[in-house]
Amino acid sequence: PNPNSSMTTRELQEYWRNEKGCWKPVKLLFEIASARIEER
């Protein structure tokens, strides 16, 4: 929300409750699942 917003405390609480429920930041996890030896 804009810091200068005229939202009431209750409205802000409701806003953040909704955001927490629906907004998911895109983060990636990396795993090295397995390894194999390749011979050429």
PDB file of all heavy atoms in Angstrom:
ATOM      1  N   PRO A   1       0.817  -1.201   0.000  1.00  0.00           N
ATOM      2  CA  PRO A   1       0.000   0.000   0.000  1.00  0.00           C
ATOM      3  C   PRO A   1       0.854   1.256   0.000  1.00  0.00           C
ATOM      4  O   PRO A   1       1.972   1.276   0.513  1.00  0.00           O
ATOM      5  CB  PRO A   1      -0.787  -0.117   1.312  1.00  0.00           C
ATOM      6  CG  PRO A   1      -0.645  -1.531   1.755  1.00  0.00           C
ATOM      7  CD  PRO A   1       0.638  -2.010   1.188  1.00  0.00           C
ATOM      8  N   ASN A   2       0.328   2.308  -0.581  1.00  0.00           N
ATOM      9  CA  ASN A   2       0.990   3.599  -0.569  1.00  0.00           C
ATOM     10  C   ASN A   2       1.058   4.121   0.862  1.00  0.00           C
ATOM     11  O   ASN A   2       0.060   4.098   1.589  1.00  0.00           O
ATOM     12  CB  ASN A   2       0.185   4.568  -1.457  1.00  0.00           C
ATOM     13  CG  ASN A   2       0.922   5.867  -1.689  1.00  0.00           C
ATOM     14  OD1 ASN A   2       1.518   6.419  -0.765  1.00  0.00           O
ATOM     15  ND2 ASN A   2       0.875   6.350  -2.923  1.00  0.00           N
ATOM     16  N   PRO A   3       2.257   4.602   1.313  1.00  0.00           N
ATOM     17  CA  PRO A   3       2.360   5.126   2.669  1.00  0.00           C
ATOM     18  C   PRO A   3       1.389   6.267   2.943  1.00  0.00           C
ATOM     19  O   PRO A   3       1.008   6.512   4.082  1.00  0.00           O
ATOM     20  CB  PRO A   3       3.816   5.608   2.736  1.00  0.00           C
ATOM     21  CG  PRO A   3       4.521   4.838   1.676  1.00  0.00           C
ATOM     22  CD  PRO A   3       3.521   4.630   0.592  1.00  0.00           C
ATOM     23  N   ASN A   4       1.008   6.977   1.872  1.00  0.00           N
ATOM     24  CA  ASN A   4       0.088   8.102   2.042  1.00  0.00           C
ATOM     25  C   ASN A   4      -1.370   7.683   1.877  1.00  0.00           C
ATOM     26  O   ASN A   4      -2.257   8.517   1.737  1.00  0.00           O
ATOM     27  CB  ASN A   4       0.426   9.205   1.017  1.00  0.00           C
ATOM     28  CG  ASN A   4       1.832   9.738   1.217  1.00  0.00           C
ATOM     29  OD1 ASN A   4       2.265   9.920   2.360  1.00  0.00           O
ATOM     30  ND2 ASN A   4       2.532   9.986   0.124  1.00  0.00           N
ATOM     31  N   SER A   5      -1.631   6.385   1.870  1.00  0.00           N
ATOM     32  CA  SER A   5      -2.983   5.892   1.675  1.00  0.00           C
ATOM     33  C   SER A   5      -3.879   6.314   2.839  1.00  0.00           C
ATOM     34  O   SER A   5      -3.448   6.434   3.979  1.00  0.00           O
ATOM     35  CB  SER A   5      -2.962   4.368   1.550  1.00  0.00           C
ATOM     36  OG  SER A   5      -4.267   3.862   1.583  1.00  0.00           O
ATOM     37  N   SER A   6      -5.158   6.502   2.530  1.00  0.00           N
ATOM     38  CA  SER A   6      -6.126   6.895   3.553  1.00  0.00           C
ATOM     39  C   SER A   6      -6.844   5.690   4.153  1.00  0.00           C
ATOM     40  O   SER A   6      -7.870   5.823   4.798  1.00  0.00           O
ATOM     41  CB  SER A   6      -7.154   7.862   2.946  1.00  0.00           C
ATOM     42  OG  SER A   6      -7.837   7.230   1.869  1.00  0.00           O
ATOM     43  N   MET A   7      -6.299   4.492   3.926  1.00  0.00           N
ATOM     44  CA  MET A   7      -6.914   3.283   4.450  1.00  0.00           C
ATOM     45  C   MET A   7      -6.898   3.292   5.977  1.00  0.00           C
ATOM     46  O   MET A   7      -5.934   3.730   6.602  1.00  0.00           O
ATOM     47  CB  MET A   7      -6.165   2.041   3.936  1.00  0.00           C
ATOM     48  CG  MET A   7      -6.253   1.831   2.438  1.00  0.00           C
ATOM     49  SD  MET A   7      -5.186   0.491   1.851  1.00  0.00           S
ATOM     50  CE  MET A   7      -6.053  -0.922   2.519  1.00  0.00           C
ATOM     51  N   THR A   8      -7.970   2.817   6.587  1.00  0.00           N
ATOM     52  CA  THR A   8      -8.031   2.720   8.041  1.00  0.00           C
ATOM     53  C   THR A   8      -7.204   1.530   8.508  1.00  0.00           C
ATOM     54  O   THR A   8      -6.779   0.685   7.702  1.00  0.00           O
ATOM     55  CB  THR A   8      -9.483   2.531   8.508  1.00  0.00           C
ATOM     56  OG1 THR A   8      -9.948   1.263   8.025  1.00  0.00           O
ATOM     57  CG2 THR A   8     -10.379   3.638   7.981  1.00  0.00           C
ATOM     58  N   THR A   9      -6.983   1.465   9.825  1.00  0.00           N
ATOM     59  CA  THR A   9      -6.212   0.350  10.369  1.00  0.00           C
ATOM     60  C   THR A   9      -6.862  -0.977  10.048  1.00  0.00           C
ATOM     61  O   THR A   9      -6.200  -1.946   9.664  1.00  0.00           O
ATOM     62  CB  THR A   9      -6.072   0.499  11.889  1.00  0.00           C
ATOM     63  OG1 THR A   9      -5.434   1.746  12.177  1.00  0.00           O
ATOM     64  CG2 THR A   9      -5.261  -0.648  12.480  1.00  0.00           C
ATOM     65  N   ARG A  10      -8.174  -1.020  10.172  1.00  0.00           N
ATOM     66  CA  ARG A  10      -8.894  -2.254   9.878  1.00  0.00           C
ATOM     67  C   ARG A  10      -8.767  -2.646   8.408  1.00  0.00           C
ATOM     68  O   ARG A  10      -8.583  -3.825   8.075  1.00  0.00           O
ATOM     69  CB  ARG A  10     -10.359  -2.076  10.249  1.00  0.00           C
ATOM     70  CG  ARG A  10     -11.196  -3.345  10.066  1.00  0.00           C
ATOM     71  CD  ARG A  10     -12.621  -3.132  10.568  1.00  0.00           C
ATOM     72  NE  ARG A  10     -13.419  -4.338  10.383  1.00  0.00           N
ATOM     73  CZ  ARG A  10     -14.680  -4.442  10.762  1.00  0.00           C
ATOM     74  NH1 ARG A  10     -15.290  -3.408  11.356  1.00  0.00           N
ATOM     75  NH2 ARG A  10     -15.348  -5.558  10.556  1.00  0.00           N
ATOM     76  N   GLU A  11      -8.826  -1.632   7.532  1.00  0.00           N
ATOM     77  CA  GLU A  11      -8.707  -1.906   6.104  1.00  0.00           C
ATOM     78  C   GLU A  11      -7.304  -2.399   5.761  1.00  0.00           C
ATOM     79  O   GLU A  11      -7.118  -3.282   4.912  1.00  0.00           O
ATOM     80  CB  GLU A  11      -9.042  -0.650   5.293  1.00  0.00           C
ATOM     81  CG  GLU A  11     -10.524  -0.290   5.319  1.00  0.00           C
ATOM     82  CD  GLU A  11     -10.802   1.061   4.677  1.00  0.00           C
ATOM     83  OE1 GLU A  11      -9.885   1.915   4.682  1.00  0.00           O
ATOM     84  OE2 GLU A  11     -11.925   1.255   4.185  1.00  0.00           O
ATOM     85  N   LEU A  12      -6.314  -1.785   6.436  1.00  0.00           N
ATOM     86  CA  LEU A  12      -4.936  -2.231   6.208  1.00  0.00           C
ATOM     87  C   LEU A  12      -4.746  -3.669   6.661  1.00  0.00           C
ATOM     88  O   LEU A  12      -4.079  -4.467   5.988  1.00  0.00           O
ATOM     89  CB  LEU A  12      -3.953  -1.315   6.950  1.00  0.00           C
ATOM     90  CG  LEU A  12      -3.622   0.014   6.267  1.00  0.00           C
ATOM     91  CD1 LEU A  12      -2.849   0.914   7.207  1.00  0.00           C
ATOM     92  CD2 LEU A  12      -2.819  -0.242   4.994  1.00  0.00           C
ATOM     93  N   GLN A  13      -5.298  -4.004   7.819  1.00  0.00           N
ATOM     94  CA  GLN A  13      -5.191  -5.370   8.319  1.00  0.00           C
ATOM     95  C   GLN A  13      -5.838  -6.360   7.360  1.00  0.00           C
ATOM     96  O   GLN A  13      -5.303  -7.438   7.091  1.00  0.00           O
ATOM     97  CB  GLN A  13      -5.837  -5.470   9.707  1.00  0.00           C
ATOM     98  CG  GLN A  13      -5.054  -4.767  10.810  1.00  0.00           C
ATOM     99  CD  GLN A  13      -5.794  -4.768  12.133  1.00  0.00           C
ATOM    100  OE1 GLN A  13      -7.015  -4.956  12.184  1.00  0.00           O
ATOM    101  NE2 GLN A  13      -5.052  -4.568  13.216  1.00  0.00           N
ATOM    102  N   GLU A  14      -6.988  -5.977   6.841  1.00  0.00           N
ATOM    103  CA  GLU A  14      -7.682  -6.842   5.880  1.00  0.00           C
ATOM    104  C   GLU A  14      -6.869  -6.980   4.593  1.00  0.00           C
ATOM    105  O   GLU A  14      -6.790  -8.058   4.001  1.00  0.00           O
ATOM    106  CB  GLU A  14      -9.066  -6.258   5.569  1.00  0.00           C
ATOM    107  CG  GLU A  14      -9.918  -7.093   4.615  1.00  0.00           C
ATOM    108  CD  GLU A  14     -10.289  -8.448   5.201  1.00  0.00           C
ATOM    109  OE1 GLU A  14     -10.305  -8.568   6.461  1.00  0.00           O
ATOM    110  OE2 GLU A  14     -10.550  -9.366   4.416  1.00  0.00           O
ATOM    111  N   TYR A  15      -6.256  -5.859   4.177  1.00  0.00           N
ATOM    112  CA  TYR A  15      -5.430  -5.868   2.964  1.00  0.00           C
ATOM    113  C   TYR A  15      -4.283  -6.860   3.107  1.00  0.00           C
ATOM    114  O   TYR A  15      -4.046  -7.700   2.242  1.00  0.00           O
ATOM    115  CB  TYR A  15      -4.888  -4.464   2.691  1.00  0.00           C
ATOM    116  CG  TYR A  15      -3.867  -4.414   1.569  1.00  0.00           C
ATOM    117  CD1 TYR A  15      -4.272  -4.301   0.244  1.00  0.00           C
ATOM    118  CD2 TYR A  15      -2.500  -4.501   1.846  1.00  0.00           C
ATOM    119  CE1 TYR A  15      -3.344  -4.270  -0.777  1.00  0.00           C
ATOM    120  CE2 TYR A  15      -1.568  -4.477   0.837  1.00  0.00           C
ATOM    121  CZ  TYR A  15      -1.991  -4.358  -0.478  1.00  0.00           C
ATOM    122  OH  TYR A  15      -1.072  -4.343  -1.486  1.00  0.00           O
ATOM    123  N   TRP A  16      -3.549  -6.760   4.230  1.00  0.00           N
ATOM    124  CA  TRP A  16      -2.397  -7.633   4.424  1.00  0.00           C
ATOM    125  C   TRP A  16      -2.813  -9.080   4.632  1.00  0.00           C
ATOM    126  O   TRP A  16      -2.089 -10.003   4.254  1.00  0.00           O
ATOM    127  CB  TRP A  16      -1.560  -7.145   5.607  1.00  0.00           C
ATOM    128  CG  TRP A  16      -0.781  -5.905   5.286  1.00  0.00           C
ATOM    129  CD1 TRP A  16      -0.898  -4.677   5.851  1.00  0.00           C
ATOM    130  CD2 TRP A  16       0.229  -5.776   4.281  1.00  0.00           C
ATOM    131  NE1 TRP A  16      -0.032  -3.783   5.268  1.00  0.00           N
ATOM    132  CE2 TRP A  16       0.678  -4.429   4.307  1.00  0.00           C
ATOM    133  CE3 TRP A  16       0.803  -6.660   3.366  1.00  0.00           C
ATOM    134  CZ2 TRP A  16       1.660  -3.959   3.463  1.00  0.00           C
ATOM    135  CZ3 TRP A  16       1.797  -6.189   2.517  1.00  0.00           C
ATOM    136  CH2 TRP A  16       2.211  -4.848   2.570  1.00  0.00           C
ATOM    137  N   ARG A  17      -3.993  -9.298   5.209  1.00  0.00           N
ATOM    138  CA  ARG A  17      -4.493 -10.661   5.373  1.00  0.00           C
ATOM    139  C   ARG A  17      -4.752 -11.298   3.996  1.00  0.00           C
ATOM    140  O   ARG A  17      -4.407 -12.451   3.748  1.00  0.00           O
ATOM    141  CB  ARG A  17      -5.772 -10.644   6.204  1.00  0.00           C
ATOM    142  CG  ARG A  17      -6.254 -12.045   6.618  1.00  0.00           C
ATOM    143  CD  ARG A  17      -7.512 -11.968   7.475  1.00  0.00           C
ATOM    144  NE  ARG A  17      -7.286 -11.229   8.717  1.00  0.00           N
ATOM    145  CZ  ARG A  17      -7.829 -10.051   9.009  1.00  0.00           C
ATOM    146  NH1 ARG A  17      -8.633  -9.468   8.127  1.00  0.00           N
ATOM    147  NH2 ARG A  17      -7.582  -9.452  10.153  1.00  0.00           N
ATOM    148  N   ASN A  18      -5.331 -10.501   3.114  1.00  0.00           N
ATOM    149  CA  ASN A  18      -5.584 -10.995   1.761  1.00  0.00           C
ATOM    150  C   ASN A  18      -4.285 -11.224   0.998  1.00  0.00           C
ATOM    151  O   ASN A  18      -4.137 -12.200   0.261  1.00  0.00           O
ATOM    152  CB  ASN A  18      -6.471 -10.009   0.983  1.00  0.00           C
ATOM    153  CG  ASN A  18      -7.882  -9.959   1.538  1.00  0.00           C
ATOM    154  OD1 ASN A  18      -8.357 -10.919   2.134  1.00  0.00           O
ATOM    155  ND2 ASN A  18      -8.557  -8.832   1.344  1.00  0.00           N
ATOM    156  N   GLU A  19      -3.329 -10.294   1.160  1.00  0.00           N
ATOM    157  CA  GLU A  19      -2.042 -10.435   0.487  1.00  0.00           C
ATOM    158  C   GLU A  19      -1.321 -11.686   0.935  1.00  0.00           C
ATOM    159  O   GLU A  19      -0.748 -12.421   0.136  1.00  0.00           O
ATOM    160  CB  GLU A  19      -1.162  -9.201   0.772  1.00  0.00           C
ATOM    161  CG  GLU A  19      -1.555  -7.971  -0.010  1.00  0.00           C
ATOM    162  CD  GLU A  19      -1.308  -8.163  -1.503  1.00  0.00           C
ATOM    163  OE1 GLU A  19      -0.129  -8.285  -1.899  1.00  0.00           O
ATOM    164  OE2 GLU A  19      -2.287  -8.202  -2.262  1.00  0.00           O
ATOM    165  N   LYS A  20      -1.350 -11.928   2.234  1.00  0.00           N
ATOM    166  CA  LYS A  20      -0.672 -13.095   2.777  1.00  0.00           C
ATOM    167  C   LYS A  20      -1.289 -14.377   2.250  1.00  0.00           C
ATOM    168  O   LYS A  20      -0.608 -15.385   2.034  1.00  0.00           O
ATOM    169  CB  LYS A  20      -0.745 -13.074   4.308  1.00  0.00           C
ATOM    170  CG  LYS A  20       0.066 -14.173   4.982  1.00  0.00           C
ATOM    171  CD  LYS A  20       0.009 -14.043   6.486  1.00  0.00           C
ATOM    172  CE  LYS A  20       0.839 -15.136   7.165  1.00  0.00           C
ATOM    173  NZ  LYS A  20       0.794 -15.017   8.637  1.00  0.00           N
ATOM    174  N   GLY A  21      -2.584 -14.327   1.991  1.00  0.00           N
ATOM    175  CA  GLY A  21      -3.276 -15.523   1.528  1.00  0.00           C
ATOM    176  C   GLY A  21      -3.100 -15.809   0.052  1.00  0.00           C
ATOM    177  O   GLY A  21      -3.192 -16.950  -0.376  1.00  0.00           O
ATOM    178  N   CYS A  22      -2.850 -14.773  -0.759  1.00  0.00           N
ATOM    179  CA  CYS A  22      -2.839 -15.003  -2.205  1.00  0.00           C
ATOM    180  C   CYS A  22      -1.505 -14.704  -2.867  1.00  0.00           C
ATOM    181  O   CYS A  22      -1.215 -15.240  -3.928  1.00  0.00           O
ATOM    182  CB  CYS A  22      -3.931 -14.166  -2.880  1.00  0.00           C
ATOM    183  SG  CYS A  22      -3.653 -12.380  -2.772  1.00  0.00           S
ATOM    184  N   TRP A  23      -0.678 -13.853  -2.267  1.00  0.00           N
ATOM    185  CA  TRP A  23       0.561 -13.459  -2.951  1.00  0.00           C
ATOM    186  C   TRP A  23       1.690 -14.392  -2.576  1.00  0.00           C
ATOM    187  O   TRP A  23       1.977 -14.613  -1.398  1.00  0.00           O
ATOM    188  CB  TRP A  23       0.925 -12.022  -2.586  1.00  0.00           C
ATOM    189  CG  TRP A  23       2.209 -11.586  -3.240  1.00  0.00           C
ATOM    190  CD1 TRP A  23       2.418 -11.321  -4.557  1.00  0.00           C
ATOM    191  CD2 TRP A  23       3.466 -11.364  -2.586  1.00  0.00           C
ATOM    192  NE1 TRP A  23       3.713 -10.941  -4.772  1.00  0.00           N
ATOM    193  CE2 TRP A  23       4.385 -10.965  -3.585  1.00  0.00           C
ATOM    194  CE3 TRP A  23       3.907 -11.473  -1.269  1.00  0.00           C
ATOM    195  CZ2 TRP A  23       5.712 -10.667  -3.301  1.00  0.00           C
ATOM    196  CZ3 TRP A  23       5.225 -11.176  -0.985  1.00  0.00           C
ATOM    197  CH2 TRP A  23       6.114 -10.781  -2.000  1.00  0.00           C
ATOM    198  N   LYS A  24       2.318 -14.980  -3.555  1.00  0.00           N
ATOM    199  CA  LYS A  24       3.430 -15.887  -3.334  1.00  0.00           C
ATOM    200  C   LYS A  24       4.634 -15.396  -4.130  1.00  0.00           C
ATOM    201  O   LYS A  24       4.592 -15.366  -5.356  1.00  0.00           O
ATOM    202  CB  LYS A  24       3.067 -17.301  -3.787  1.00  0.00           C
ATOM    203  CG  LYS A  24       1.876 -17.903  -3.050  1.00  0.00           C
ATOM    204  CD  LYS A  24       2.203 -18.233  -1.608  1.00  0.00           C
ATOM    205  CE  LYS A  24       1.042 -18.940  -0.927  1.00  0.00           C
ATOM    206  NZ  LYS A  24       1.320 -19.232   0.481  1.00  0.00           N
ATOM    207  N   PRO A  25       5.685 -14.982  -3.463  1.00  0.00           N
ATOM    208  CA  PRO A  25       6.868 -14.534  -4.202  1.00  0.00           C
ATOM    209  C   PRO A  25       7.512 -15.692  -4.951  1.00  0.00           C
ATOM    210  O   PRO A  25       7.492 -16.829  -4.481  1.00  0.00           O
ATOM    211  CB  PRO A  25       7.796 -14.011  -3.094  1.00  0.00           C
ATOM    212  CG  PRO A  25       7.375 -14.749  -1.870  1.00  0.00           C
ATOM    213  CD  PRO A  25       5.884 -14.935  -2.007  1.00  0.00           C
ATOM    214  N   VAL A  26       8.047 -15.404  -6.136  1.00  0.00           N
ATOM    215  CA  VAL A  26       8.688 -16.439  -6.928  1.00  0.00           C
ATOM    216  C   VAL A  26      10.118 -16.610  -6.439  1.00  0.00           C
ATOM    217  O   VAL A  26      10.954 -15.724  -6.597  1.00  0.00           O
ATOM    218  CB  VAL A  26       8.683 -16.082  -8.430  1.00  0.00           C
ATOM    219  CG1 VAL A  26       9.463 -17.115  -9.224  1.00  0.00           C
ATOM    220  CG2 VAL A  26       7.254 -15.983  -8.941  1.00  0.00           C
ATOM    221  N   LYS A  27      10.389 -17.722  -5.820  1.00  0.00           N
ATOM    222  CA  LYS A  27      11.726 -18.059  -5.376  1.00  0.00           C
ATOM    223  C   LYS A  27      12.043 -19.453  -5.895  1.00  0.00           C
ATOM    224  O   LYS A  27      11.168 -20.312  -5.992  1.00  0.00           O
ATOM    225  CB  LYS A  27      11.820 -18.052  -3.844  1.00  0.00           C
ATOM    226  CG  LYS A  27      11.517 -16.703  -3.215  1.00  0.00           C
ATOM    227  CD  LYS A  27      12.603 -15.679  -3.496  1.00  0.00           C
ATOM    228  CE  LYS A  27      12.310 -14.364  -2.777  1.00  0.00           C
ATOM    229  NZ  LYS A  27      13.320 -13.331  -3.079  1.00  0.00           N
ATOM    230  N   LEU A  28      13.291 -19.684  -6.195  1.00  0.00           N
ATOM    231  CA  LEU A  28      13.695 -20.975  -6.719  1.00  0.00           C
ATOM    232  C   LEU A  28      14.633 -21.691  -5.762  1.00  0.00           C
ATOM    233  O   LEU A  28      15.495 -21.064  -5.146  1.00  0.00           O
ATOM    234  CB  LEU A  28      14.375 -20.809  -8.085  1.00  0.00           C
ATOM    235  CG  LEU A  28      13.537 -20.165  -9.197  1.00  0.00           C
ATOM    236  CD1 LEU A  28      14.337 -20.097 -10.487  1.00  0.00           C
ATOM    237  CD2 LEU A  28      12.241 -20.919  -9.413  1.00  0.00           C
ATOM    238  N   LEU A  29      14.435 -22.984  -5.640  1.00  0.00           N
ATOM    239  CA  LEU A  29      15.315 -23.838  -4.855  1.00  0.00           C
ATOM    240  C   LEU A  29      16.090 -24.744  -5.798  1.00  0.00           C
ATOM    241  O   LEU A  29      15.549 -25.230  -6.799  1.00  0.00           O
ATOM    242  CB  LEU A  29      14.504 -24.704  -3.880  1.00  0.00           C
ATOM    243  CG  LEU A  29      13.819 -23.992  -2.714  1.00  0.00           C
ATOM    244  CD1 LEU A  29      13.054 -25.010  -1.886  1.00  0.00           C
ATOM    245  CD2 LEU A  29      14.830 -23.251  -1.851  1.00  0.00           C
ATOM    246  N   PHE A  30      17.348 -24.970  -5.481  1.00  0.00           N
ATOM    247  CA  PHE A  30      18.202 -25.809  -6.311  1.00  0.00           C
ATOM    248  C   PHE A  30      18.619 -27.052  -5.536  1.00  0.00           C
ATOM    249  O   PHE A  30      19.072 -26.960  -4.393  1.00  0.00           O
ATOM    250  CB  PHE A  30      19.443 -25.032  -6.758  1.00  0.00           C
ATOM    251  CG  PHE A  30      19.130 -23.835  -7.601  1.00  0.00           C
ATOM    252  CD1 PHE A  30      18.852 -22.611  -7.014  1.00  0.00           C
ATOM    253  CD2 PHE A  30      19.102 -23.929  -8.980  1.00  0.00           C
ATOM    254  CE1 PHE A  30      18.549 -21.503  -7.788  1.00  0.00           C
ATOM    255  CE2 PHE A  30      18.803 -22.826  -9.764  1.00  0.00           C
ATOM    256  CZ  PHE A  30      18.518 -21.612  -9.161  1.00  0.00           C
ATOM    257  N   GLU A  31      18.453 -28.189  -6.158  1.00  0.00           N
ATOM    258  CA  GLU A  31      18.876 -29.456  -5.572  1.00  0.00           C
ATOM    259  C   GLU A  31      19.751 -30.196  -6.582  1.00  0.00           C
ATOM    260  O   GLU A  31      19.491 -30.149  -7.786  1.00  0.00           O
ATOM    261  CB  GLU A  31      17.663 -30.323  -5.220  1.00  0.00           C
ATOM    262  CG  GLU A  31      16.764 -29.762  -4.131  1.00  0.00           C
ATOM    263  CD  GLU A  31      17.356 -29.920  -2.742  1.00  0.00           C
ATOM    264  OE1 GLU A  31      18.325 -30.704  -2.599  1.00  0.00           O
ATOM    265  OE2 GLU A  31      16.859 -29.271  -1.810  1.00  0.00           O
ATOM    266  N   ILE A  32      20.775 -30.855  -6.091  1.00  0.00           N
ATOM    267  CA  ILE A  32      21.546 -31.767  -6.938  1.00  0.00           C
ATOM    268  C   ILE A  32      21.032 -33.157  -6.594  1.00  0.00           C
ATOM    269  O   ILE A  32      21.446 -33.771  -5.614  1.00  0.00           O
ATOM    270  CB  ILE A  32      23.062 -31.660  -6.683  1.00  0.00           C
ATOM    271  CG1 ILE A  32      23.513 -30.192  -6.789  1.00  0.00           C
ATOM    272  CG2 ILE A  32      23.819 -32.529  -7.687  1.00  0.00           C
ATOM    273  CD1 ILE A  32      23.285 -29.558  -8.130  1.00  0.00           C
ATOM    274  N   ALA A  33      20.090 -33.623  -7.391  1.00  0.00           N
ATOM    275  CA  ALA A  33      19.350 -34.834  -7.042  1.00  0.00           C
ATOM    276  C   ALA A  33      20.178 -36.096  -7.168  1.00  0.00           C
ATOM    277  O   ALA A  33      20.026 -37.030  -6.379  1.00  0.00           O
ATOM    278  CB  ALA A  33      18.104 -34.936  -7.923  1.00  0.00           C
ATOM    279  N   SER A  34      21.063 -36.135  -8.147  1.00  0.00           N
ATOM    280  CA  SER A  34      21.861 -37.340  -8.361  1.00  0.00           C
ATOM    281  C   SER A  34      23.094 -36.998  -9.171  1.00  0.00           C
ATOM    282  O   SER A  34      23.248 -35.864  -9.660  1.00  0.00           O
ATOM    283  CB  SER A  34      21.038 -38.411  -9.075  1.00  0.00           C
ATOM    284  OG  SER A  34      20.654 -37.955 -10.367  1.00  0.00           O
ATOM    285  N   ALA A  35      23.956 -37.966  -9.311  1.00  0.00           N
ATOM    286  CA  ALA A  35      25.173 -37.799 -10.117  1.00  0.00           C
ATOM    287  C   ALA A  35      25.514 -39.153 -10.734  1.00  0.00           C
ATOM    288  O   ALA A  35      25.287 -40.196 -10.129  1.00  0.00           O
ATOM    289  CB  ALA A  35      26.319 -37.290  -9.267  1.00  0.00           C
ATOM    290  N   ARG A  36      26.041 -39.120 -11.924  1.00  0.00           N
ATOM    291  CA  ARG A  36      26.432 -40.362 -12.594  1.00  0.00           C
ATOM    292  C   ARG A  36      27.750 -40.156 -13.323  1.00  0.00           C
ATOM    293  O   ARG A  36      28.066 -39.053 -13.779  1.00  0.00           O
ATOM    294  CB  ARG A  36      25.350 -40.797 -13.592  1.00  0.00           C
ATOM    295  CG  ARG A  36      25.061 -39.789 -14.691  1.00  0.00           C
ATOM    296  CD  ARG A  36      23.937 -40.258 -15.614  1.00  0.00           C
ATOM    297  NE  ARG A  36      23.598 -39.237 -16.603  1.00  0.00           N
ATOM    298  CZ  ARG A  36      24.245 -39.076 -17.758  1.00  0.00           C
ATOM    299  NH1 ARG A  36      25.256 -39.883 -18.059  1.00  0.00           N
ATOM    300  NH2 ARG A  36      23.885 -38.112 -18.612  1.00  0.00           N
ATOM    301  N   ILE A  37      28.513 -41.211 -13.399  1.00  0.00           N
ATOM    302  CA  ILE A  37      29.798 -41.166 -14.101  1.00  0.00           C
ATOM    303  C   ILE A  37      29.565 -41.559 -15.554  1.00  0.00           C
ATOM    304  O   ILE A  37      28.960 -42.594 -15.838  1.00  0.00           O
ATOM    305  CB  ILE A  37      30.816 -42.125 -13.446  1.00  0.00           C
ATOM    306  CG1 ILE A  37      31.078 -41.706 -11.993  1.00  0.00           C
ATOM    307  CG2 ILE A  37      32.119 -42.135 -14.236  1.00  0.00           C
ATOM    308  CD1 ILE A  37      31.946 -42.681 -11.229  1.00  0.00           C
ATOM    309  N   GLU A  38      30.017 -40.714 -16.452  1.00  0.00           N
ATOM    310  CA  GLU A  38      29.846 -40.977 -17.882  1.00  0.00           C
ATOM    311  C   GLU A  38      31.217 -41.160 -18.523  1.00  0.00           C
ATOM    312  O   GLU A  38      32.127 -40.345 -18.320  1.00  0.00           O
ATOM    313  CB  GLU A  38      29.094 -39.828 -18.547  1.00  0.00           C
ATOM    314  CG  GLU A  38      28.776 -40.084 -20.015  1.00  0.00           C
ATOM    315  CD  GLU A  38      27.747 -39.129 -20.578  1.00  0.00           C
ATOM    316  OE1 GLU A  38      26.782 -38.806 -19.861  1.00  0.00           O
ATOM    317  OE2 GLU A  38      27.913 -38.702 -21.738  1.00  0.00           O
ATOM    318  N   GLU A  39      31.358 -42.211 -19.272  1.00  0.00           N
ATOM    319  CA  GLU A  39      32.626 -42.502 -19.957  1.00  0.00           C
ATOM    320  C   GLU A  39      32.429 -42.435 -21.461  1.00  0.00           C
ATOM    321  O   GLU A  39      31.487 -43.013 -22.000  1.00  0.00           O
ATOM    322  CB  GLU A  39      33.131 -43.894 -19.559  1.00  0.00           C
ATOM    323  CG  GLU A  39      33.550 -44.007 -18.098  1.00  0.00           C
ATOM    324  CD  GLU A  39      34.296 -45.297 -17.802  1.00  0.00           C
ATOM    325  OE1 GLU A  39      35.322 -45.540 -18.479  1.00  0.00           O
ATOM    326  OE2 GLU A  39      33.846 -46.043 -16.922  1.00  0.00           O
ATOM    327  N   ARG A  40      33.328 -41.711 -22.088  1.00  0.00           N
ATOM    328  CA  ARG A  40      33.342 -41.623 -23.552  1.00  0.00           C
ATOM    329  C   ARG A  40      34.687 -42.118 -24.054  1.00  0.00           C
ATOM    330  O   ARG A  40      35.562 -42.470 -23.275  1.00  0.00           O
ATOM    331  CB  ARG A  40      33.042 -40.189 -23.995  1.00  0.00           C
ATOM    332  CG  ARG A  40      31.638 -39.732 -23.582  1.00  0.00           C
ATOM    333  CD  ARG A  40      31.344 -38.321 -24.028  1.00  0.00           C
ATOM    334  NE  ARG A  40      30.013 -37.908 -23.576  1.00  0.00           N
ATOM    335  CZ  ARG A  40      29.519 -36.680 -23.743  1.00  0.00           C
ATOM    336  NH1 ARG A  40      30.257 -35.741 -24.355  1.00  0.00           N
ATOM    337  NH2 ARG A  40      28.304 -36.391 -23.299  1.00  0.00           N
TER     338      ARG A  40
END
